[in-house]
C-alpha atoms as a PDB file:
ATOM      1  CA  UNK A   1     -36.203  80.686 -25.893  1.00  0.00           C
ATOM      2  CA  UNK A   2     -33.655  78.968 -28.245  1.00  0.00           C
ATOM      3  CA  UNK A   3     -32.456  76.732 -25.399  1.00  0.00           C
ATOM      4  CA  UNK A   4     -36.083  75.690 -24.381  1.00  0.00           C
ATOM      5  CA  UNK A   5     -36.880  75.063 -28.168  1.00  0.00           C
ATOM      6  CA  UNK A   6     -33.750  72.841 -28.427  1.00  0.00           C
ATOM      7  CA  UNK A   7     -34.797  70.800 -25.357  1.00  0.00           C
ATOM      8  CA  UNK A   8     -38.380  70.418 -26.745  1.00  0.00           C
ATOM      9  CA  UNK A   9     -37.007  68.870 -29.920  1.00  0.00           C
ATOM     10  CA  UNK A  10     -34.944  66.466 -27.879  1.00  0.00           C
ATOM     11  CA  UNK A  11     -38.006  65.406 -25.850  1.00  0.00           C
ATOM     12  CA  UNK A  12     -40.082  65.051 -28.901  1.00  0.00           C
ATOM     13  CA  UNK A  13     -37.442  62.777 -30.504  1.00  0.00           C
ATOM     14  CA  UNK A  14     -37.231  60.681 -27.320  1.00  0.00           C
ATOM     15  CA  UNK A  15     -40.976  60.306 -27.191  1.00  0.00           C
ATOM     16  CA  UNK A  16     -41.019  59.093 -30.829  1.00  0.00           C
ATOM     17  CA  UNK A  17     -38.326  56.512 -30.200  1.00  0.00           C
ATOM     18  CA  UNK A  18     -40.219  54.999 -27.161  1.00  0.00           C
ATOM     19  CA  UNK A  19     -43.607  55.130 -28.942  1.00  0.00           C
ATOM     20  CA  UNK A  20     -42.254  53.144 -31.827  1.00  0.00           C
ATOM     21  CA  UNK A  21     -40.127  50.851 -29.658  1.00  0.00           C
ATOM     22  CA  UNK A  22     -36.974  51.581 -31.742  1.00  0.00           C
ATOM     23  CA  UNK A  23     -34.042  49.407 -30.569  1.00  0.00           C
ATOM     24  CA  UNK A  24     -30.855  51.056 -29.492  1.00  0.00           C
ATOM     25  CA  UNK A  25     -27.762  49.106 -30.522  1.00  0.00           C
ATOM     26  CA  UNK A  26     -24.137  49.127 -29.572  1.00  0.00           C
ATOM     27  CA  UNK A  27     -21.684  46.960 -31.482  1.00  0.00           C
ATOM     28  CA  UNK A  28     -18.869  44.733 -30.337  1.00  0.00           C
ATOM     29  CA  UNK A  29     -19.493  44.007 -26.650  1.00  0.00           C
ATOM     30  CA  UNK A  30     -17.388  41.846 -24.534  1.00  0.00           C
ATOM     31  CA  UNK A  31     -19.190  39.056 -22.804  1.00  0.00           C
ATOM     32  CA  UNK A  32     -17.850  39.912 -19.316  1.00  0.00           C
ATOM     33  CA  UNK A  33     -19.231  43.349 -19.667  1.00  0.00           C
ATOM     34  CA  UNK A  34     -22.864  41.993 -19.770  1.00  0.00           C
ATOM     35  CA  UNK A  35     -22.718  38.654 -17.901  1.00  0.00           C
ATOM     36  CA  UNK A  36     -20.252  39.799 -15.283  1.00  0.00           C
ATOM     37  CA  UNK A  37     -17.047  38.278 -14.025  1.00  0.00           C
ATOM     38  CA  UNK A  38     -15.992  34.826 -15.121  1.00  0.00           C
ATOM     39  CA  UNK A  39     -17.353  33.504 -11.815  1.00  0.00           C
ATOM     40  CA  UNK A  40     -20.908  33.959 -13.335  1.00  0.00           C
ATOM     41  CA  UNK A  41     -20.067  32.059 -16.449  1.00  0.00           C
ATOM     42  CA  UNK A  42     -20.214  28.464 -17.094  1.00  0.00           C
ATOM     43  CA  UNK A  43     -19.205  26.227 -19.987  1.00  0.00           C
ATOM     44  CA  UNK A  44     -21.824  24.665 -22.254  1.00  0.00           C
ATOM     45  CA  UNK A  45     -20.998  21.810 -24.706  1.00  0.00           C
ATOM     46  CA  UNK A  46     -22.054  22.239 -28.233  1.00  0.00           C
ATOM     47  CA  UNK A  47     -21.757  19.941 -31.256  1.00  0.00           C
ATOM     48  CA  UNK A  48     -22.189  19.966 -34.990  1.00  0.00           C
ATOM     49  CA  UNK A  49     -25.814  18.881 -34.456  1.00  0.00           C
ATOM     50  CA  UNK A  50     -26.480  22.264 -32.603  1.00  0.00           C
ATOM     51  CA  UNK A  51     -25.655  24.110 -35.850  1.00  0.00           C
ATOM     52  CA  UNK A  52     -28.928  22.719 -37.279  1.00  0.00           C
ATOM     53  CA  UNK A  53     -31.370  23.433 -34.378  1.00  0.00           C
ATOM     54  CA  UNK A  54     -33.184  26.605 -33.188  1.00  0.00           C
ATOM     55  CA  UNK A  55     -35.230  29.541 -34.323  1.00  0.00           C
ATOM     56  CA  UNK A  56     -32.335  31.375 -36.283  1.00  0.00           C
ATOM     57  CA  UNK A  57     -31.725  28.741 -38.931  1.00  0.00           C
ATOM     58  CA  UNK A  58     -30.938  30.172 -42.313  1.00  0.00           C
ATOM     59  CA  UNK A  59     -32.849  28.102 -45.070  1.00  0.00           C
ATOM     60  CA  UNK A  60     -32.501  28.914 -48.650  1.00  0.00           C
ATOM     61  CA  UNK A  61     -31.388  27.357 -51.962  1.00  0.00           C
ATOM     62  CA  UNK A  62     -27.887  26.850 -50.425  1.00  0.00           C
ATOM     63  CA  UNK A  63     -28.646  25.790 -46.949  1.00  0.00           C
ATOM     64  CA  UNK A  64     -31.336  22.942 -46.665  1.00  0.00           C
ATOM     65  CA  UNK A  65     -33.422  21.867 -43.730  1.00  0.00           C
ATOM     66  CA  UNK A  66     -31.871  18.954 -41.775  1.00  0.00           C
ATOM     67  CA  UNK A  67     -34.313  16.394 -40.145  1.00  0.00           C
ATOM     68  CA  UNK A  68     -33.242  17.635 -36.667  1.00  0.00           C
ATOM     69  CA  UNK A  69     -34.108  21.143 -37.670  1.00  0.00           C
ATOM     70  CA  UNK A  70     -37.891  20.536 -37.770  1.00  0.00           C
ATOM     71  CA  UNK A  71     -39.596  21.956 -34.784  1.00  0.00           C
ATOM     72  CA  UNK A  72     -40.741  19.198 -32.412  1.00  0.00           C
ATOM     73  CA  UNK A  73     -43.924  21.012 -31.231  1.00  0.00           C
ATOM     74  CA  UNK A  74     -45.731  21.245 -34.655  1.00  0.00           C
ATOM     75  CA  UNK A  75     -49.539  20.950 -34.157  1.00  0.00           C
ATOM     76  CA  UNK A  76     -52.579  21.048 -36.395  1.00  0.00           C
ATOM     77  CA  UNK A  77     -54.052  24.547 -35.584  1.00  0.00           C
ATOM     78  CA  UNK A  78     -57.523  23.492 -36.705  1.00  0.00           C
ATOM     79  CA  UNK A  79     -57.566  21.139 -33.537  1.00  0.00           C
ATOM     80  CA  UNK A  80     -56.406  23.862 -31.216  1.00  0.00           C
ATOM     81  CA  UNK A  81     -59.141  26.584 -30.834  1.00  0.00           C
ATOM     82  CA  UNK A  82     -57.099  28.513 -28.242  1.00  0.00           C
ATOM     83  CA  UNK A  83     -54.377  28.991 -30.844  1.00  0.00           C
ATOM     84  CA  UNK A  84     -56.631  30.458 -33.584  1.00  0.00           C
ATOM     85  CA  UNK A  85     -58.400  33.365 -31.809  1.00  0.00           C
ATOM     86  CA  UNK A  86     -58.817  36.323 -33.929  1.00  0.00           C
ATOM     87  CA  UNK A  87     -58.001  34.802 -37.332  1.00  0.00           C
ATOM     88  CA  UNK A  88     -59.217  32.214 -39.806  1.00  0.00           C
ATOM     89  CA  UNK A  89     -57.641  29.005 -41.417  1.00  0.00           C
ATOM     90  CA  UNK A  90     -57.774  28.447 -45.189  1.00  0.00           C
ATOM     91  CA  UNK A  91     -58.302  24.751 -44.546  1.00  0.00           C
ATOM     92  CA  UNK A  92     -58.712  22.149 -41.916  1.00  0.00           C
ATOM     93  CA  UNK A  93     -55.072  20.940 -41.950  1.00  0.00           C
ATOM     94  CA  UNK A  94     -52.668  23.825 -41.292  1.00  0.00           C
ATOM     95  CA  UNK A  95     -49.709  22.940 -39.134  1.00  0.00           C
ATOM     96  CA  UNK A  96     -47.349  25.150 -37.252  1.00  0.00           C
ATOM     97  CA  UNK A  97     -45.025  25.212 -34.184  1.00  0.00           C
ATOM     98  CA  UNK A  98     -47.054  25.586 -31.104  1.00  0.00           C
ATOM     99  CA  UNK A  99     -44.638  28.202 -29.776  1.00  0.00           C
ATOM    100  CA  UNK A 100     -44.864  30.270 -32.980  1.00  0.00           C
ATOM    101  CA  UNK A 101     -48.535  29.929 -33.085  1.00  0.00           C
ATOM    102  CA  UNK A 102     -48.871  31.437 -29.475  1.00  0.00           C
ATOM    103  CA  UNK A 103     -46.564  34.380 -30.689  1.00  0.00           C
ATOM    104  CA  UNK A 104     -48.648  34.811 -33.810  1.00  0.00           C
ATOM    105  CA  UNK A 105     -51.907  34.953 -31.654  1.00  0.00           C
ATOM    106  CA  UNK A 106     -50.347  37.732 -29.574  1.00  0.00           C
ATOM    107  CA  UNK A 107     -49.471  39.720 -32.643  1.00  0.00           C
ATOM    108  CA  UNK A 108     -52.866  39.306 -34.116  1.00  0.00           C
ATOM    109  CA  UNK A 109     -54.475  40.529 -30.805  1.00  0.00           C
ATOM    110  CA  UNK A 110     -52.243  43.755 -31.059  1.00  0.00           C
ATOM    111  CA  UNK A 111     -53.475  44.180 -34.721  1.00  0.00           C
ATOM    112  CA  UNK A 112     -57.076  43.976 -33.668  1.00  0.00           C
ATOM    113  CA  UNK A 113     -56.481  46.740 -31.131  1.00  0.00           C
ATOM    114  CA  UNK A 114     -55.379  48.856 -34.211  1.00  0.00           C
ATOM    115  CA  UNK A 115     -58.650  47.992 -35.993  1.00  0.00           C
ATOM    116  CA  UNK A 116     -56.984  45.399 -38.303  1.00  0.00           C
ATOM    117  CA  UNK A 117     -58.728  42.119 -37.874  1.00  0.00           C
ATOM    118  CA  UNK A 118     -59.232  40.180 -41.202  1.00  0.00           C
ATOM    119  CA  UNK A 119     -56.223  37.802 -40.989  1.00  0.00           C
ATOM    120  CA  UNK A 120     -56.041  34.258 -42.083  1.00  0.00           C
ATOM    121  CA  UNK A 121     -53.327  31.584 -42.178  1.00  0.00           C
ATOM    122  CA  UNK A 122     -53.151  30.165 -45.678  1.00  0.00           C
ATOM    123  CA  UNK A 123     -50.242  27.824 -45.080  1.00  0.00           C
ATOM    124  CA  UNK A 124     -47.846  26.835 -42.315  1.00  0.00           C
ATOM    125  CA  UNK A 125     -45.522  23.874 -41.673  1.00  0.00           C
ATOM    126  CA  UNK A 126     -45.176  21.429 -44.633  1.00  0.00           C
ATOM    127  CA  UNK A 127     -43.539  17.990 -44.647  1.00  0.00           C
ATOM    128  CA  UNK A 128     -40.995  17.155 -47.304  1.00  0.00           C
ATOM    129  CA  UNK A 129     -43.535  15.043 -49.223  1.00  0.00           C
ATOM    130  CA  UNK A 130     -46.146  17.845 -49.424  1.00  0.00           C
ATOM    131  CA  UNK A 131     -43.318  20.372 -50.400  1.00  0.00           C
ATOM    132  CA  UNK A 132     -42.239  18.007 -53.171  1.00  0.00           C
ATOM    133  CA  UNK A 133     -45.784  17.727 -54.495  1.00  0.00           C
ATOM    134  CA  UNK A 134     -46.173  21.576 -54.457  1.00  0.00           C
ATOM    135  CA  UNK A 135     -42.875  22.041 -56.224  1.00  0.00           C
ATOM    136  CA  UNK A 136     -43.943  19.787 -59.016  1.00  0.00           C
ATOM    137  CA  UNK A 137     -47.332  21.374 -59.331  1.00  0.00           C
ATOM    138  CA  UNK A 138     -46.173  25.062 -59.146  1.00  0.00           C
ATOM    139  CA  UNK A 139     -42.705  24.903 -60.575  1.00  0.00           C
ATOM    140  CA  UNK A 140     -39.470  26.687 -59.393  1.00  0.00           C
ATOM    141  CA  UNK A 141     -40.893  30.218 -60.041  1.00  0.00           C
ATOM    142  CA  UNK A 142     -43.393  29.736 -57.233  1.00  0.00           C
ATOM    143  CA  UNK A 143     -42.002  27.132 -54.884  1.00  0.00           C
ATOM    144  CA  UNK A 144     -38.774  25.576 -53.598  1.00  0.00           C
ATOM    145  CA  UNK A 145     -37.764  21.907 -53.707  1.00  0.00           C
ATOM    146  CA  UNK A 146     -38.468  19.778 -50.530  1.00  0.00           C
ATOM    147  CA  UNK A 147     -35.918  20.537 -47.829  1.00  0.00           C
ATOM    148  CA  UNK A 148     -35.071  23.963 -49.159  1.00  0.00           C
ATOM    149  CA  UNK A 149     -38.253  25.782 -48.065  1.00  0.00           C
ATOM    150  CA  UNK A 150     -38.637  27.509 -44.598  1.00  0.00           C
ATOM    151  CA  UNK A 151     -42.119  25.835 -44.499  1.00  0.00           C
ATOM    152  CA  UNK A 152     -40.262  22.630 -43.682  1.00  0.00           C
ATOM    153  CA  UNK A 153     -39.163  23.973 -40.443  1.00  0.00           C
ATOM    154  CA  UNK A 154     -42.395  24.926 -38.582  1.00  0.00           C
ATOM    155  CA  UNK A 155     -41.288  28.607 -38.075  1.00  0.00           C
ATOM    156  CA  UNK A 156     -42.902  30.177 -41.158  1.00  0.00           C
ATOM    157  CA  UNK A 157     -46.297  30.825 -42.212  1.00  0.00           C
ATOM    158  CA  UNK A 158     -48.247  32.478 -45.176  1.00  0.00           C
ATOM    159  CA  UNK A 159     -50.557  35.079 -43.832  1.00  0.00           C
ATOM    160  CA  UNK A 160     -53.536  36.325 -45.890  1.00  0.00           C
ATOM    161  CA  UNK A 161     -56.341  38.920 -45.656  1.00  0.00           C
ATOM    162  CA  UNK A 162     -59.928  37.769 -46.088  1.00  0.00           C
ATOM    163  CA  UNK A 163     -60.574  41.095 -47.841  1.00  0.00           C
ATOM    164  CA  UNK A 164     -58.031  41.389 -50.689  1.00  0.00           C
ATOM    165  CA  UNK A 165     -54.409  40.516 -51.691  1.00  0.00           C
ATOM    166  CA  UNK A 166     -51.906  41.080 -48.946  1.00  0.00           C
ATOM    167  CA  UNK A 167     -49.995  43.688 -50.899  1.00  0.00           C
ATOM    168  CA  UNK A 168     -53.058  45.934 -50.959  1.00  0.00           C
ATOM    169  CA  UNK A 169     -54.606  44.938 -47.660  1.00  0.00           C
ATOM    170  CA  UNK A 170     -54.434  46.712 -44.297  1.00  0.00           C
ATOM    171  CA  UNK A 171     -53.324  43.347 -42.921  1.00  0.00           C
ATOM    172  CA  UNK A 172     -50.285  43.250 -45.180  1.00  0.00           C
ATOM    173  CA  UNK A 173     -49.386  46.877 -44.397  1.00  0.00           C
ATOM    174  CA  UNK A 174     -49.699  46.228 -40.646  1.00  0.00           C
ATOM    175  CA  UNK A 175     -47.555  42.993 -40.800  1.00  0.00           C
ATOM    176  CA  UNK A 176     -44.842  44.826 -42.698  1.00  0.00           C
ATOM    177  CA  UNK A 177     -44.739  47.756 -40.202  1.00  0.00           C
ATOM    178  CA  UNK A 178     -45.332  45.958 -36.876  1.00  0.00           C
ATOM    179  CA  UNK A 179     -44.372  42.205 -37.171  1.00  0.00           C
ATOM    180  CA  UNK A 180     -40.786  42.840 -35.939  1.00  0.00           C
ATOM    181  CA  UNK A 181     -42.204  43.834 -32.383  1.00  0.00           C
ATOM    182  CA  UNK A 182     -43.461  40.346 -31.864  1.00  0.00           C
ATOM    183  CA  UNK A 183     -40.345  38.515 -33.117  1.00  0.00           C
ATOM    184  CA  UNK A 184     -41.484  38.037 -36.792  1.00  0.00           C
ATOM    185  CA  UNK A 185     -39.826  39.205 -39.971  1.00  0.00           C
ATOM    186  CA  UNK A 186     -41.061  39.672 -43.387  1.00  0.00           C
ATOM    187  CA  UNK A 187     -38.692  37.138 -45.042  1.00  0.00           C
ATOM    188  CA  UNK A 188     -38.810  38.114 -48.579  1.00  0.00           C
ATOM    189  CA  UNK A 189     -39.191  41.984 -48.837  1.00  0.00           C
ATOM    190  CA  UNK A 190     -39.427  43.775 -52.006  1.00  0.00           C
ATOM    191  CA  UNK A 191     -35.980  45.382 -51.887  1.00  0.00           C
ATOM    192  CA  UNK A 192     -34.000  42.312 -51.018  1.00  0.00           C
ATOM    193  CA  UNK A 193     -34.805  39.979 -54.003  1.00  0.00           C
ATOM    194  CA  UNK A 194     -31.209  40.016 -55.036  1.00  0.00           C
ATOM    195  CA  UNK A 195     -30.093  38.807 -51.743  1.00  0.00           C
ATOM    196  CA  UNK A 196     -32.839  36.210 -50.837  1.00  0.00           C
ATOM    197  CA  UNK A 197     -33.181  34.940 -54.499  1.00  0.00           C
ATOM    198  CA  UNK A 198     -36.990  34.947 -53.877  1.00  0.00           C
ATOM    199  CA  UNK A 199     -39.622  37.321 -55.445  1.00  0.00           C
ATOM    200  CA  UNK A 200     -41.394  39.690 -53.048  1.00  0.00           C
ATOM    201  CA  UNK A 201     -43.845  37.767 -50.818  1.00  0.00           C
ATOM    202  CA  UNK A 202     -45.790  40.202 -48.572  1.00  0.00           C
ATOM    203  CA  UNK A 203     -47.640  37.145 -47.046  1.00  0.00           C
ATOM    204  CA  UNK A 204     -44.602  35.082 -45.928  1.00  0.00           C
ATOM    205  CA  UNK A 205     -43.457  35.796 -42.376  1.00  0.00           C
ATOM    206  CA  UNK A 206     -40.899  33.877 -40.300  1.00  0.00           C
ATOM    207  CA  UNK A 207     -40.346  33.777 -36.519  1.00  0.00           C
ATOM    208  CA  UNK A 208     -36.922  34.520 -35.233  1.00  0.00           C
ATOM    209  CA  UNK A 209     -37.585  36.148 -31.910  1.00  0.00           C
ATOM    210  CA  UNK A 210     -36.493  39.292 -30.262  1.00  0.00           C
ATOM    211  CA  UNK A 211     -34.070  41.012 -30.254  1.00  0.00           C
ATOM    212  CA  UNK A 212     -33.198  39.693 -33.711  1.00  0.00           C
ATOM    213  CA  UNK A 213     -36.303  40.838 -35.478  1.00  0.00           C
ATOM    214  CA  UNK A 214     -35.798  44.399 -34.020  1.00  0.00           C
ATOM    215  CA  UNK A 215     -32.220  44.458 -35.052  1.00  0.00           C
ATOM    216  CA  UNK A 216     -33.016  43.311 -38.634  1.00  0.00           C
ATOM    217  CA  UNK A 217     -35.827  45.912 -38.925  1.00  0.00           C
ATOM    218  CA  UNK A 218     -33.592  48.769 -37.763  1.00  0.00           C
ATOM    219  CA  UNK A 219     -30.665  47.796 -39.964  1.00  0.00           C
ATOM    220  CA  UNK A 220     -32.809  46.782 -42.935  1.00  0.00           C
ATOM    221  CA  UNK A 221     -31.377  43.291 -42.978  1.00  0.00           C
ATOM    222  CA  UNK A 222     -32.771  40.052 -44.242  1.00  0.00           C
ATOM    223  CA  UNK A 223     -31.794  36.784 -42.519  1.00  0.00           C
ATOM    224  CA  UNK A 224     -28.931  36.109 -45.012  1.00  0.00           C
ATOM    225  CA  UNK A 225     -27.376  39.630 -44.158  1.00  0.00           C
ATOM    226  CA  UNK A 226     -28.154  39.245 -40.461  1.00  0.00           C
ATOM    227  CA  UNK A 227     -26.218  35.978 -40.261  1.00  0.00           C
ATOM    228  CA  UNK A 228     -23.168  37.718 -41.975  1.00  0.00           C
ATOM    229  CA  UNK A 229     -23.376  40.736 -39.558  1.00  0.00           C
ATOM    230  CA  UNK A 230     -23.281  38.496 -36.543  1.00  0.00           C
ATOM    231  CA  UNK A 231     -20.301  36.651 -37.848  1.00  0.00           C
ATOM    232  CA  UNK A 232     -18.506  39.831 -38.453  1.00  0.00           C
ATOM    233  CA  UNK A 233     -19.353  41.542 -35.173  1.00  0.00           C
ATOM    234  CA  UNK A 234     -19.052  38.572 -33.010  1.00  0.00           C
ATOM    235  CA  UNK A 235     -21.053  40.213 -30.360  1.00  0.00           C
ATOM    236  CA  UNK A 236     -23.749  42.933 -30.182  1.00  0.00           C
ATOM    237  CA  UNK A 237     -26.140  44.412 -27.643  1.00  0.00           C
ATOM    238  CA  UNK A 238     -29.658  45.802 -28.085  1.00  0.00           C
ATOM    239  CA  UNK A 239     -32.295  47.437 -25.919  1.00  0.00           C
ATOM    240  CA  UNK A 240     -35.818  46.900 -27.188  1.00  0.00           C
ATOM    241  CA  UNK A 241     -38.727  48.555 -25.409  1.00  0.00           C
ATOM    242  CA  UNK A 242     -36.589  48.720 -22.230  1.00  0.00           C
ATOM    243  CA  UNK A 243     -35.571  44.963 -22.324  1.00  0.00           C
ATOM    244  CA  UNK A 244     -31.767  44.488 -22.910  1.00  0.00           C
ATOM    245  CA  UNK A 245     -30.251  41.696 -24.922  1.00  0.00           C
ATOM    246  CA  UNK A 246     -26.697  40.548 -25.767  1.00  0.00           C
ATOM    247  CA  UNK A 247     -26.098  38.391 -28.818  1.00  0.00           C
ATOM    248  CA  UNK A 248     -22.929  36.291 -29.432  1.00  0.00           C
ATOM    249  CA  UNK A 249     -21.879  34.312 -32.428  1.00  0.00           C
ATOM    250  CA  UNK A 250     -19.569  31.156 -31.993  1.00  0.00           C
ATOM    251  CA  UNK A 251     -18.172  29.216 -35.003  1.00  0.00           C
ATOM    252  CA  UNK A 252     -18.509  25.446 -34.422  1.00  0.00           C
ATOM    253  CA  UNK A 253     -16.345  22.919 -36.268  1.00  0.00           C
ATOM    254  CA  UNK A 254     -16.486  20.032 -33.762  1.00  0.00           C
ATOM    255  CA  UNK A 255     -17.637  19.211 -30.191  1.00  0.00           C
ATOM    256  CA  UNK A 256     -16.599  22.330 -28.090  1.00  0.00           C
ATOM    257  CA  UNK A 257     -17.639  24.508 -25.195  1.00  0.00           C
ATOM    258  CA  UNK A 258     -19.012  27.953 -25.228  1.00  0.00           C
ATOM    259  CA  UNK A 259     -19.490  30.561 -22.462  1.00  0.00           C
ATOM    260  CA  UNK A 260     -23.064  30.991 -21.123  1.00  0.00           C
ATOM    261  CA  UNK A 261     -24.360  32.959 -18.136  1.00  0.00           C
ATOM    262  CA  UNK A 262     -25.076  31.102 -14.837  1.00  0.00           C
ATOM    263  CA  UNK A 263     -27.770  33.349 -13.451  1.00  0.00           C
ATOM    264  CA  UNK A 264     -29.498  34.810 -16.552  1.00  0.00           C
ATOM    265  CA  UNK A 265     -31.857  33.366 -19.132  1.00  0.00           C
ATOM    266  CA  UNK A 266     -30.379  32.663 -22.567  1.00  0.00           C
ATOM    267  CA  UNK A 267     -31.254  30.761 -25.733  1.00  0.00           C
ATOM    268  CA  UNK A 268     -28.951  28.969 -28.109  1.00  0.00           C
ATOM    269  CA  UNK A 269     -29.624  28.501 -31.730  1.00  0.00           C
ATOM    270  CA  UNK A 270     -27.735  27.227 -34.652  1.00  0.00           C
ATOM    271  CA  UNK A 271     -27.467  29.240 -37.924  1.00  0.00           C
ATOM    272  CA  UNK A 272     -27.749  26.208 -40.169  1.00  0.00           C
ATOM    273  CA  UNK A 273     -24.366  27.257 -41.671  1.00  0.00           C
ATOM    274  CA  UNK A 274     -21.297  26.919 -39.406  1.00  0.00           C
ATOM    275  CA  UNK A 275     -22.001  28.043 -35.864  1.00  0.00           C
ATOM    276  CA  UNK A 276     -24.335  28.880 -32.973  1.00  0.00           C
ATOM    277  CA  UNK A 277     -25.810  32.170 -31.588  1.00  0.00           C
ATOM    278  CA  UNK A 278     -26.294  32.706 -27.904  1.00  0.00           C
ATOM    279  CA  UNK A 279     -28.890  35.357 -26.915  1.00  0.00           C
ATOM    280  CA  UNK A 280     -28.577  36.483 -23.411  1.00  0.00           C
ATOM    281  CA  UNK A 281     -31.667  38.099 -21.772  1.00  0.00           C
ATOM    282  CA  UNK A 282     -30.434  41.010 -19.459  1.00  0.00           C
END
């Protein structure tokens, strides 16, 4: 009976892991182990400009937004009905990356299946001029100077509940628990204000994509810490809900080449600091 009881505990634990889509991580993986032999690897040229482009850019008081960092697919959500199914808009001019808005819509559809369906977008992409005006009106306690806000990228949005404040609303609780499954992170959590330098904002989410959001959730890392983690480990692997990924960090100081797979999908993103991150989809 003891043997069967032990097996039952193991099966229950496995079931819990799959139900909650917990990622399984393994540190320090060599690129050949996952991409294959060098015959399946090609060289890709990267430059200093690539450091400031992509979905993993670190933007804060130290690392500002570059003009080339702004997403090129920013649209006015009010003019795109297909992008706003399941949630409202606070006003008629709210802009966001089209890619990110699709991801957000998928997340909202999942929340509705859980019975949580009073979402709104209160703010999205802001140009430098709008950010400057907001900073002057609200001050440094509640806004960042133009060029130093994630809202200047097109990857971040402020999500609200039509029922109550996000910190008290079911929508806020659902976002905090589930956003990582859809590539989003709660950018300024309550327990990381000493790292981010920003007070707790339960409404501010940022798109980084999988597997990055899953790794950050499991290891309780904010973006600043995650960038340091990648630089220290150089390469990591993750399995999220049955999908396998490998992530590599490359420092970039000038025009150079990096290894990328020939026969697998991959993404390259700068970190807005000193290098690029290659995410390989297994």
